[in-house]
Amino acid sequence: MAKLIVLFNLKPETRVEDYEKFARELDLPVVNALPSVRKFEVLKATGTMAGTPSPYQYIEIIDLHSLEQLGKDVQTEQVQKIAGQFRTLANDPIFIITENL
């Protein structure tokens, strides 16, 4: 099954509290309810194993039932609204599509 991994930092003007409220109250419930999504998690990076700061503040892991269905889901008005809000908070997120070996 495919997983979508999203790596990102917050924009300098974004407060951590504002992003985390958005994630808990909007992003997580909406994305977890999509037909294409098996499970959606947002992780806050705390550092690297080497003891250095993480290059990214947050990691999203979206475990998918279907990448094709996700393409349909993201076209809905509700998801477009959430994605627009996300873009105002996150600085140049990187979206990586993965699959199990």
PDB file of N, CA and C in Angstrom:
ATOM      1  N   MET A   1       0.827  -1.188   0.000  1.00  0.00           N
ATOM      2  CA  MET A   1       0.000   0.000   0.000  1.00  0.00           C
ATOM      3  C   MET A   1       0.875   1.256   0.000  1.00  0.00           C
ATOM      4  N   ALA A   2       0.403   2.257  -0.649  1.00  0.00           N
ATOM      5  CA  ALA A   2       1.141   3.517  -0.728  1.00  0.00           C
ATOM      6  C   ALA A   2       0.964   4.328   0.550  1.00  0.00           C
ATOM      7  N   LYS A   3       1.996   5.074   0.855  1.00  0.00           N
ATOM      8  CA  LYS A   3       1.945   6.056   1.935  1.00  0.00           C
ATOM      9  C   LYS A   3       2.456   7.369   1.372  1.00  0.00           C
ATOM     10  N   LEU A   4       1.828   8.434   1.802  1.00  0.00           N
ATOM     11  CA  LEU A   4       2.275   9.769   1.438  1.00  0.00           C
ATOM     12  C   LEU A   4       2.938  10.361   2.667  1.00  0.00           C
ATOM     13  N   ILE A   5       4.198  10.745   2.523  1.00  0.00           N
ATOM     14  CA  ILE A   5       4.967  11.345   3.610  1.00  0.00           C
ATOM     15  C   ILE A   5       5.123  12.830   3.281  1.00  0.00           C
ATOM     16  N   VAL A   6       4.803  13.679   4.246  1.00  0.00           N
ATOM     17  CA  VAL A   6       4.913  15.125   4.046  1.00  0.00           C
ATOM     18  C   VAL A   6       5.875  15.673   5.095  1.00  0.00           C
ATOM     19  N   LEU A   7       6.930  16.324   4.637  1.00  0.00           N
ATOM     20  CA  LEU A   7       7.941  16.922   5.513  1.00  0.00           C
ATOM     21  C   LEU A   7       7.824  18.435   5.402  1.00  0.00           C
ATOM     22  N   PHE A   8       7.786  19.121   6.553  1.00  0.00           N
ATOM     23  CA  PHE A   8       7.659  20.575   6.461  1.00  0.00           C
ATOM     24  C   PHE A   8       8.037  21.278   7.758  1.00  0.00           C
ATOM     25  N   ASN A   9       8.328  22.546   7.574  1.00  0.00           N
ATOM     26  CA  ASN A   9       8.510  23.496   8.672  1.00  0.00           C
ATOM     27  C   ASN A   9       7.384  24.511   8.582  1.00  0.00           C
ATOM     28  N   LEU A  10       7.135  25.172   9.680  1.00  0.00           N
ATOM     29  CA  LEU A  10       6.140  26.230   9.680  1.00  0.00           C
ATOM     30  C   LEU A  10       6.738  27.495   9.085  1.00  0.00           C
ATOM     31  N   LYS A  11       5.891  28.315   8.500  1.00  0.00           N
ATOM     32  CA  LYS A  11       6.339  29.624   8.032  1.00  0.00           C
ATOM     33  C   LYS A  11       6.778  30.432   9.246  1.00  0.00           C
ATOM     34  N   PRO A  12       7.733  31.337   9.073  1.00  0.00           N
ATOM     35  CA  PRO A  12       8.234  32.109  10.219  1.00  0.00           C
ATOM     36  C   PRO A  12       7.137  32.828  11.002  1.00  0.00           C
ATOM     37  N   GLU A  13       6.102  33.273  10.311  1.00  0.00           N
ATOM     38  CA  GLU A  13       5.033  34.008  10.987  1.00  0.00           C
ATOM     39  C   GLU A  13       3.972  33.103  11.626  1.00  0.00           C
ATOM     40  N   THR A  14       4.078  31.785  11.409  1.00  0.00           N
ATOM     41  CA  THR A  14       3.096  30.849  11.962  1.00  0.00           C
ATOM     42  C   THR A  14       3.466  30.460  13.384  1.00  0.00           C
ATOM     43  N   ARG A  15       2.527  30.626  14.277  1.00  0.00           N
ATOM     44  CA  ARG A  15       2.743  30.201  15.666  1.00  0.00           C
ATOM     45  C   ARG A  15       2.480  28.701  15.777  1.00  0.00           C
ATOM     46  N   VAL A  16       3.324  28.006  16.531  1.00  0.00           N
ATOM     47  CA  VAL A  16       3.179  26.565  16.739  1.00  0.00           C
ATOM     48  C   VAL A  16       1.770  26.244  17.233  1.00  0.00           C
ATOM     49  N   GLU A  17       1.270  27.026  18.178  1.00  0.00           N
ATOM     50  CA  GLU A  17      -0.060  26.789  18.746  1.00  0.00           C
ATOM     51  C   GLU A  17      -1.143  26.849  17.668  1.00  0.00           C
ATOM     52  N   ASP A  18      -1.009  27.782  16.741  1.00  0.00           N
ATOM     53  CA  ASP A  18      -2.003  27.920  15.677  1.00  0.00           C
ATOM     54  C   ASP A  18      -1.976  26.713  14.744  1.00  0.00           C
ATOM     55  N   TYR A  19      -0.766  26.274  14.356  1.00  0.00           N
ATOM     56  CA  TYR A  19      -0.685  25.107  13.482  1.00  0.00           C
ATOM     57  C   TYR A  19      -1.226  23.867  14.187  1.00  0.00           C
ATOM     58  N   GLU A  20      -0.820  23.646  15.420  1.00  0.00           N
ATOM     59  CA  GLU A  20      -1.237  22.428  16.116  1.00  0.00           C
ATOM     60  C   GLU A  20      -2.741  22.404  16.373  1.00  0.00           C
ATOM     61  N   LYS A  21      -3.342  23.549  16.595  1.00  0.00           N
ATOM     62  CA  LYS A  21      -4.805  23.619  16.722  1.00  0.00           C
ATOM     63  C   LYS A  21      -5.457  23.249  15.388  1.00  0.00           C
ATOM     64  N   PHE A  22      -4.940  23.804  14.291  1.00  0.00           N
ATOM     65  CA  PHE A  22      -5.438  23.465  12.958  1.00  0.00           C
ATOM     66  C   PHE A  22      -5.322  21.963  12.712  1.00  0.00           C
ATOM     67  N   ALA A  23      -4.162  21.384  13.043  1.00  0.00           N
ATOM     68  CA  ALA A  23      -3.944  19.957  12.810  1.00  0.00           C
ATOM     69  C   ALA A  23      -4.940  19.114  13.604  1.00  0.00           C
ATOM     70  N   ARG A  24      -5.086  19.409  14.893  1.00  0.00           N
ATOM     71  CA  ARG A  24      -5.972  18.610  15.753  1.00  0.00           C
ATOM     72  C   ARG A  24      -7.451  18.765  15.403  1.00  0.00           C
ATOM     73  N   GLU A  25      -7.874  19.998  15.158  1.00  0.00           N
ATOM     74  CA  GLU A  25      -9.301  20.271  15.011  1.00  0.00           C
ATOM     75  C   GLU A  25      -9.828  20.136  13.582  1.00  0.00           C
ATOM     76  N   LEU A  26      -8.967  20.315  12.587  1.00  0.00           N
ATOM     77  CA  LEU A  26      -9.423  20.279  11.195  1.00  0.00           C
ATOM     78  C   LEU A  26      -8.723  19.222  10.356  1.00  0.00           C
ATOM     79  N   ASP A  27      -7.419  19.321  10.251  1.00  0.00           N
ATOM     80  CA  ASP A  27      -6.662  18.476   9.328  1.00  0.00           C
ATOM     81  C   ASP A  27      -6.809  16.990   9.662  1.00  0.00           C
ATOM     82  N   LEU A  28      -6.512  16.610  10.889  1.00  0.00           N
ATOM     83  CA  LEU A  28      -6.581  15.193  11.264  1.00  0.00           C
ATOM     84  C   LEU A  28      -7.983  14.606  11.092  1.00  0.00           C
ATOM     85  N   PRO A  29      -9.037  15.228  11.619  1.00  0.00           N
ATOM     86  CA  PRO A  29     -10.362  14.628  11.453  1.00  0.00           C
ATOM     87  C   PRO A  29     -10.824  14.549   9.996  1.00  0.00           C
ATOM     88  N   VAL A  30     -10.584  15.598   9.228  1.00  0.00           N
ATOM     89  CA  VAL A  30     -11.045  15.609   7.837  1.00  0.00           C
ATOM     90  C   VAL A  30     -10.291  14.579   7.010  1.00  0.00           C
ATOM     91  N   VAL A  31      -8.973  14.574   7.093  1.00  0.00           N
ATOM     92  CA  VAL A  31      -8.182  13.645   6.278  1.00  0.00           C
ATOM     93  C   VAL A  31      -8.430  12.198   6.705  1.00  0.00           C
ATOM     94  N   ASN A  32      -8.538  11.936   7.999  1.00  0.00           N
ATOM     95  CA  ASN A  32      -8.810  10.569   8.455  1.00  0.00           C
ATOM     96  C   ASN A  32     -10.169  10.056   7.998  1.00  0.00           C
ATOM     97  N   ALA A  33     -11.099  10.943   7.672  1.00  0.00           N
ATOM     98  CA  ALA A  33     -12.433  10.538   7.219  1.00  0.00           C
ATOM     99  C   ALA A  33     -12.516  10.314   5.708  1.00  0.00           C
ATOM    100  N   LEU A  34     -11.453  10.617   4.970  1.00  0.00           N
ATOM    101  CA  LEU A  34     -11.488  10.451   3.518  1.00  0.00           C
ATOM    102  C   LEU A  34     -11.530   8.973   3.138  1.00  0.00           C
ATOM    103  N   PRO A  35     -12.285   8.611   2.093  1.00  0.00           N
ATOM    104  CA  PRO A  35     -12.346   7.213   1.661  1.00  0.00           C
ATOM    105  C   PRO A  35     -10.983   6.627   1.279  1.00  0.00           C
ATOM    106  N   SER A  36     -10.085   7.462   0.790  1.00  0.00           N
ATOM    107  CA  SER A  36      -8.774   6.980   0.336  1.00  0.00           C
ATOM    108  C   SER A  36      -7.791   6.723   1.472  1.00  0.00           C
ATOM    109  N   VAL A  37      -8.109   7.193   2.675  1.00  0.00           N
ATOM    110  CA  VAL A  37      -7.134   7.176   3.769  1.00  0.00           C
ATOM    111  C   VAL A  37      -7.430   6.065   4.767  1.00  0.00           C
ATOM    112  N   ARG A  38      -6.410   5.256   5.016  1.00  0.00           N
ATOM    113  CA  ARG A  38      -6.476   4.217   6.044  1.00  0.00           C
ATOM    114  C   ARG A  38      -6.182   4.835   7.411  1.00  0.00           C
ATOM    115  N   LYS A  39      -5.120   5.668   7.471  1.00  0.00           N
ATOM    116  CA  LYS A  39      -4.726   6.311   8.722  1.00  0.00           C
ATOM    117  C   LYS A  39      -3.872   7.528   8.394  1.00  0.00           C
ATOM    118  N   PHE A  40      -4.094   8.611   9.138  1.00  0.00           N
ATOM    119  CA  PHE A  40      -3.330   9.846   8.956  1.00  0.00           C
ATOM    120  C   PHE A  40      -2.789  10.271  10.307  1.00  0.00           C
ATOM    121  N   GLU A  41      -1.480  10.488  10.355  1.00  0.00           N
ATOM    122  CA  GLU A  41      -0.819  10.923  11.581  1.00  0.00           C
ATOM    123  C   GLU A  41       0.002  12.172  11.306  1.00  0.00           C
ATOM    124  N   VAL A  42       0.058  13.051  12.297  1.00  0.00           N
ATOM    125  CA  VAL A  42       0.956  14.198  12.252  1.00  0.00           C
ATOM    126  C   VAL A  42       1.928  14.033  13.410  1.00  0.00           C
ATOM    127  N   LEU A  43       3.208  14.051  13.096  1.00  0.00           N
ATOM    128  CA  LEU A  43       4.253  13.868  14.097  1.00  0.00           C
ATOM    129  C   LEU A  43       5.062  15.145  14.238  1.00  0.00           C
ATOM    130  N   LYS A  44       5.408  15.481  15.463  1.00  0.00           N
ATOM    131  CA  LYS A  44       6.263  16.635  15.729  1.00  0.00           C
ATOM    132  C   LYS A  44       7.680  16.116  15.946  1.00  0.00           C
ATOM    133  N   ALA A  45       8.610  16.573  15.133  1.00  0.00           N
ATOM    134  CA  ALA A  45      10.000  16.130  15.245  1.00  0.00           C
ATOM    135  C   ALA A  45      10.629  16.740  16.494  1.00  0.00           C
ATOM    136  N   THR A  46      11.407  15.921  17.197  1.00  0.00           N
ATOM    137  CA  THR A  46      12.059  16.397  18.418  1.00  0.00           C
ATOM    138  C   THR A  46      13.579  16.413  18.303  1.00  0.00           C
ATOM    139  N   GLY A  47      14.120  15.917  17.205  1.00  0.00           N
ATOM    140  CA  GLY A  47      15.565  15.903  17.001  1.00  0.00           C
ATOM    141  C   GLY A  47      15.978  14.677  16.218  1.00  0.00           C
ATOM    142  N   THR A  48      17.279  14.539  16.010  1.00  0.00           N
ATOM    143  CA  THR A  48      17.819  13.378  15.305  1.00  0.00           C
ATOM    144  C   THR A  48      18.512  12.453  16.300  1.00  0.00           C
ATOM    145  N   MET A  49      18.797  11.256  15.865  1.00  0.00           N
ATOM    146  CA  MET A  49      19.524  10.307  16.715  1.00  0.00           C
ATOM    147  C   MET A  49      20.926  10.808  17.032  1.00  0.00           C
ATOM    148  N   ALA A  50      21.460  11.681  16.195  1.00  0.00           N
ATOM    149  CA  ALA A  50      22.790  12.249  16.426  1.00  0.00           C
ATOM    150  C   ALA A  50      22.760  13.384  17.447  1.00  0.00           C
ATOM    151  N   GLY A  51      21.552  13.722  17.914  1.00  0.00           N
ATOM    152  CA  GLY A  51      21.439  14.784  18.899  1.00  0.00           C
ATOM    153  C   GLY A  51      21.351  16.179  18.311  1.00  0.00           C
ATOM    154  N   THR A  52      21.192  16.257  17.009  1.00  0.00           N
ATOM    155  CA  THR A  52      21.080  17.560  16.351  1.00  0.00           C
ATOM    156  C   THR A  52      19.606  17.875  16.082  1.00  0.00           C
ATOM    157  N   PRO A  53      19.297  19.136  15.838  1.00  0.00           N
ATOM    158  CA  PRO A  53      17.908  19.480  15.524  1.00  0.00           C
ATOM    159  C   PRO A  53      17.455  18.813  14.222  1.00  0.00           C
ATOM    160  N   SER A  54      16.194  18.457  14.159  1.00  0.00           N
ATOM    161  CA  SER A  54      15.625  17.890  12.938  1.00  0.00           C
ATOM    162  C   SER A  54      15.579  18.960  11.852  1.00  0.00           C
ATOM    163  N   PRO A  55      15.815  18.578  10.592  1.00  0.00           N
ATOM    164  CA  PRO A  55      15.686  19.562   9.517  1.00  0.00           C
ATOM    165  C   PRO A  55      14.227  19.960   9.269  1.00  0.00           C
ATOM    166  N   TYR A  56      13.287  19.174   9.807  1.00  0.00           N
ATOM    167  CA  TYR A  56      11.862  19.465   9.656  1.00  0.00           C
ATOM    168  C   TYR A  56      11.190  19.470  11.016  1.00  0.00           C
ATOM    169  N   GLN A  57      10.230  20.381  11.197  1.00  0.00           N
ATOM    170  CA  GLN A  57       9.491  20.462  12.455  1.00  0.00           C
ATOM    171  C   GLN A  57       8.404  19.397  12.546  1.00  0.00           C
ATOM    172  N   TYR A  58       7.796  19.069  11.400  1.00  0.00           N
ATOM    173  CA  TYR A  58       6.651  18.153  11.394  1.00  0.00           C
ATOM    174  C   TYR A  58       6.766  17.156  10.254  1.00  0.00           C
ATOM    175  N   ILE A  59       6.197  15.976  10.496  1.00  0.00           N
ATOM    176  CA  ILE A  59       6.115  14.919   9.498  1.00  0.00           C
ATOM    177  C   ILE A  59       4.679  14.422   9.496  1.00  0.00           C
ATOM    178  N   GLU A  60       4.077  14.363   8.329  1.00  0.00           N
ATOM    179  CA  GLU A  60       2.757  13.759   8.196  1.00  0.00           C
ATOM    180  C   GLU A  60       2.928  12.424   7.495  1.00  0.00           C
ATOM    181  N   ILE A  61       2.218  11.414   7.983  1.00  0.00           N
ATOM    182  CA  ILE A  61       2.213  10.105   7.347  1.00  0.00           C
ATOM    183  C   ILE A  61       0.763   9.771   7.025  1.00  0.00           C
ATOM    184  N   ILE A  62       0.476   9.635   5.741  1.00  0.00           N
ATOM    185  CA  ILE A  62      -0.875   9.313   5.295  1.00  0.00           C
ATOM    186  C   ILE A  62      -0.827   7.918   4.674  1.00  0.00           C
ATOM    187  N   ASP A  63      -1.366   6.951   5.390  1.00  0.00           N
ATOM    188  CA  ASP A  63      -1.433   5.559   4.936  1.00  0.00           C
ATOM    189  C   ASP A  63      -2.689   5.429   4.073  1.00  0.00           C
ATOM    190  N   LEU A  64      -2.507   5.075   2.817  1.00  0.00           N
ATOM    191  CA  LEU A  64      -3.593   5.132   1.841  1.00  0.00           C
ATOM    192  C   LEU A  64      -4.177   3.769   1.499  1.00  0.00           C
ATOM    193  N   HIS A  65      -5.496   3.758   1.306  1.00  0.00           N
ATOM    194  CA  HIS A  65      -6.159   2.615   0.674  1.00  0.00           C
ATOM    195  C   HIS A  65      -5.880   2.665  -0.820  1.00  0.00           C
ATOM    196  N   SER A  66      -5.935   3.899  -1.374  1.00  0.00           N
ATOM    197  CA  SER A  66      -5.825   4.061  -2.818  1.00  0.00           C
ATOM    198  C   SER A  66      -5.280   5.445  -3.166  1.00  0.00           C
ATOM    199  N   LEU A  67      -4.171   5.460  -3.882  1.00  0.00           N
ATOM    200  CA  LEU A  67      -3.614   6.724  -4.365  1.00  0.00           C
ATOM    201  C   LEU A  67      -4.551   7.349  -5.401  1.00  0.00           C
ATOM    202  N   GLU A  68      -5.169   6.507  -6.214  1.00  0.00           N
ATOM    203  CA  GLU A  68      -6.118   6.997  -7.220  1.00  0.00           C
ATOM    204  C   GLU A  68      -7.312   7.684  -6.545  1.00  0.00           C
ATOM    205  N   GLN A  69      -7.839   7.067  -5.492  1.00  0.00           N
ATOM    206  CA  GLN A  69      -8.967   7.668  -4.773  1.00  0.00           C
ATOM    207  C   GLN A  69      -8.549   8.969  -4.092  1.00  0.00           C
ATOM    208  N   LEU A  70      -7.307   9.035  -3.596  1.00  0.00           N
ATOM    209  CA  LEU A  70      -6.827  10.274  -2.985  1.00  0.00           C
ATOM    210  C   LEU A  70      -6.894  11.417  -3.994  1.00  0.00           C
ATOM    211  N   GLY A  71      -6.522  11.128  -5.238  1.00  0.00           N
ATOM    212  CA  GLY A  71      -6.606  12.138  -6.289  1.00  0.00           C
ATOM    213  C   GLY A  71      -8.015  12.692  -6.439  1.00  0.00           C
ATOM    214  N   LYS A  72      -9.016  11.836  -6.259  1.00  0.00           N
ATOM    215  CA  LYS A  72     -10.416  12.279  -6.319  1.00  0.00           C
ATOM    216  C   LYS A  72     -10.791  13.036  -5.052  1.00  0.00           C
ATOM    217  N   ASP A  73     -10.359  12.522  -3.911  1.00  0.00           N
ATOM    218  CA  ASP A  73     -10.699  13.140  -2.624  1.00  0.00           C
ATOM    219  C   ASP A  73     -10.183  14.571  -2.515  1.00  0.00           C
ATOM    220  N   VAL A  74      -8.979  14.808  -3.025  1.00  0.00           N
ATOM    221  CA  VAL A  74      -8.390  16.146  -2.868  1.00  0.00           C
ATOM    222  C   VAL A  74      -9.067  17.193  -3.750  1.00  0.00           C
ATOM    223  N   GLN A  75      -9.938  16.762  -4.643  1.00  0.00           N
ATOM    224  CA  GLN A  75     -10.668  17.707  -5.491  1.00  0.00           C
ATOM    225  C   GLN A  75     -11.921  18.256  -4.814  1.00  0.00           C
ATOM    226  N   THR A  76     -12.309  17.677  -3.672  1.00  0.00           N
ATOM    227  CA  THR A  76     -13.527  18.131  -3.001  1.00  0.00           C
ATOM    228  C   THR A  76     -13.323  19.512  -2.392  1.00  0.00           C
ATOM    229  N   GLU A  77     -14.426  20.234  -2.251  1.00  0.00           N
ATOM    230  CA  GLU A  77     -14.367  21.586  -1.699  1.00  0.00           C
ATOM    231  C   GLU A  77     -13.797  21.581  -0.279  1.00  0.00           C
ATOM    232  N   GLN A  78     -14.199  20.606   0.525  1.00  0.00           N
ATOM    233  CA  GLN A  78     -13.733  20.534   1.910  1.00  0.00           C
ATOM    234  C   GLN A  78     -12.217  20.356   1.975  1.00  0.00           C
ATOM    235  N   VAL A  79     -11.686  19.447   1.174  1.00  0.00           N
ATOM    236  CA  VAL A  79     -10.238  19.203   1.189  1.00  0.00           C
ATOM    237  C   VAL A  79      -9.489  20.390   0.595  1.00  0.00           C
ATOM    238  N   GLN A  80     -10.022  21.008  -0.425  1.00  0.00           N
ATOM    239  CA  GLN A  80      -9.381  22.192  -1.000  1.00  0.00           C
ATOM    240  C   GLN A  80      -9.276  23.308   0.038  1.00  0.00           C
ATOM    241  N   LYS A  81     -10.309  23.464   0.853  1.00  0.00           N
ATOM    242  CA  LYS A  81     -10.289  24.484   1.903  1.00  0.00           C
ATOM    243  C   LYS A  81      -9.212  24.176   2.942  1.00  0.00           C
ATOM    244  N   ILE A  82      -9.140  22.914   3.380  1.00  0.00           N
ATOM    245  CA  ILE A  82      -8.123  22.499   4.357  1.00  0.00           C
ATOM    246  C   ILE A  82      -6.723  22.675   3.762  1.00  0.00           C
ATOM    247  N   ALA A  83      -6.543  22.277   2.503  1.00  0.00           N
ATOM    248  CA  ALA A  83      -5.236  22.407   1.849  1.00  0.00           C
ATOM    249  C   ALA A  83      -4.823  23.875   1.752  1.00  0.00           C
ATOM    250  N   GLY A  84      -5.774  24.740   1.471  1.00  0.00           N
ATOM    251  CA  GLY A  84      -5.477  26.171   1.419  1.00  0.00           C
ATOM    252  C   GLY A  84      -5.019  26.706   2.762  1.00  0.00           C
ATOM    253  N   GLN A  85      -5.679  26.272   3.826  1.00  0.00           N
ATOM    254  CA  GLN A  85      -5.270  26.685   5.166  1.00  0.00           C
ATOM    255  C   GLN A  85      -3.875  26.154   5.489  1.00  0.00           C
ATOM    256  N   PHE A  86      -3.617  24.897   5.115  1.00  0.00           N
ATOM    257  CA  PHE A  86      -2.306  24.294   5.352  1.00  0.00           C
ATOM    258  C   PHE A  86      -1.215  25.111   4.663  1.00  0.00           C
ATOM    259  N   ARG A  87      -1.467  25.530   3.426  1.00  0.00           N
ATOM    260  CA  ARG A  87      -0.470  26.310   2.673  1.00  0.00           C
ATOM    261  C   ARG A  87      -0.170  27.653   3.327  1.00  0.00           C
ATOM    262  N   THR A  88      -1.111  28.204   4.082  1.00  0.00           N
ATOM    263  CA  THR A  88      -0.847  29.469   4.770  1.00  0.00           C
ATOM    264  C   THR A  88       0.027  29.273   6.004  1.00  0.00           C
ATOM    265  N   LEU A  89       0.124  28.039   6.496  1.00  0.00           N
ATOM    266  CA  LEU A  89       0.859  27.741   7.725  1.00  0.00           C
ATOM    267  C   LEU A  89       2.223  27.103   7.476  1.00  0.00           C
ATOM    268  N   ALA A  90       2.304  26.232   6.469  1.00  0.00           N
ATOM    269  CA  ALA A  90       3.512  25.439   6.215  1.00  0.00           C
ATOM    270  C   ALA A  90       4.372  26.084   5.136  1.00  0.00           C
ATOM    271  N   ASN A  91       5.682  25.981   5.309  1.00  0.00           N
ATOM    272  CA  ASN A  91       6.650  26.575   4.395  1.00  0.00           C
ATOM    273  C   ASN A  91       7.204  25.507   3.459  1.00  0.00           C
ATOM    274  N   ASP A  92       6.808  25.543   2.194  1.00  0.00           N
ATOM    275  CA  ASP A  92       7.327  24.636   1.158  1.00  0.00           C
ATOM    276  C   ASP A  92       7.328  23.168   1.576  1.00  0.00           C
ATOM    277  N   PRO A  93       6.162  22.593   1.877  1.00  0.00           N
ATOM    278  CA  PRO A  93       6.132  21.178   2.252  1.00  0.00           C
ATOM    279  C   PRO A  93       6.594  20.287   1.103  1.00  0.00           C
ATOM    280  N   ILE A  94       7.227  19.179   1.471  1.00  0.00           N
ATOM    281  CA  ILE A  94       7.688  18.185   0.501  1.00  0.00           C
ATOM    282  C   ILE A  94       6.770  16.975   0.618  1.00  0.00           C
ATOM    283  N   PHE A  95       6.146  16.571  -0.486  1.00  0.00           N
ATOM    284  CA  PHE A  95       5.223  15.438  -0.529  1.00  0.00           C
ATOM    285  C   PHE A  95       5.929  14.273  -1.217  1.00  0.00           C
ATOM    286  N   ILE A  96       6.095  13.164  -0.506  1.00  0.00           N
ATOM    287  CA  ILE A  96       6.812  12.004  -1.026  1.00  0.00           C
ATOM    288  C   ILE A  96       5.861  10.811  -1.052  1.00  0.00           C
ATOM    289  N   ILE A  97       5.656  10.225  -2.226  1.00  0.00           N
ATOM    290  CA  ILE A  97       4.827   9.030  -2.356  1.00  0.00           C
ATOM    291  C   ILE A  97       5.730   7.821  -2.175  1.00  0.00           C
ATOM    292  N   THR A  98       5.323   6.897  -1.300  1.00  0.00           N
ATOM    293  CA  THR A  98       6.135   5.714  -1.023  1.00  0.00           C
ATOM    294  C   THR A  98       5.298   4.451  -1.196  1.00  0.00           C
ATOM    295  N   GLU A  99       5.980   3.320  -1.271  1.00  0.00           N
ATOM    296  CA  GLU A  99       5.312   2.016  -1.257  1.00  0.00           C
ATOM    297  C   GLU A  99       6.196   1.039  -0.502  1.00  0.00           C
ATOM    298  N   ASN A 100       5.582   0.006   0.038  1.00  0.00           N
ATOM    299  CA  ASN A 100       6.337  -1.011   0.770  1.00  0.00           C
ATOM    300  C   ASN A 100       7.190  -1.838  -0.182  1.00  0.00           C
ATOM    301  N   LEU A 101       8.334  -2.285   0.304  1.00  0.00           N
ATOM    302  CA  LEU A 101       9.185  -3.182  -0.484  1.00  0.00           C
ATOM    303  C   LEU A 101       8.597  -4.571  -0.494  1.00  0.00           C
TER     304      LEU A 101
END
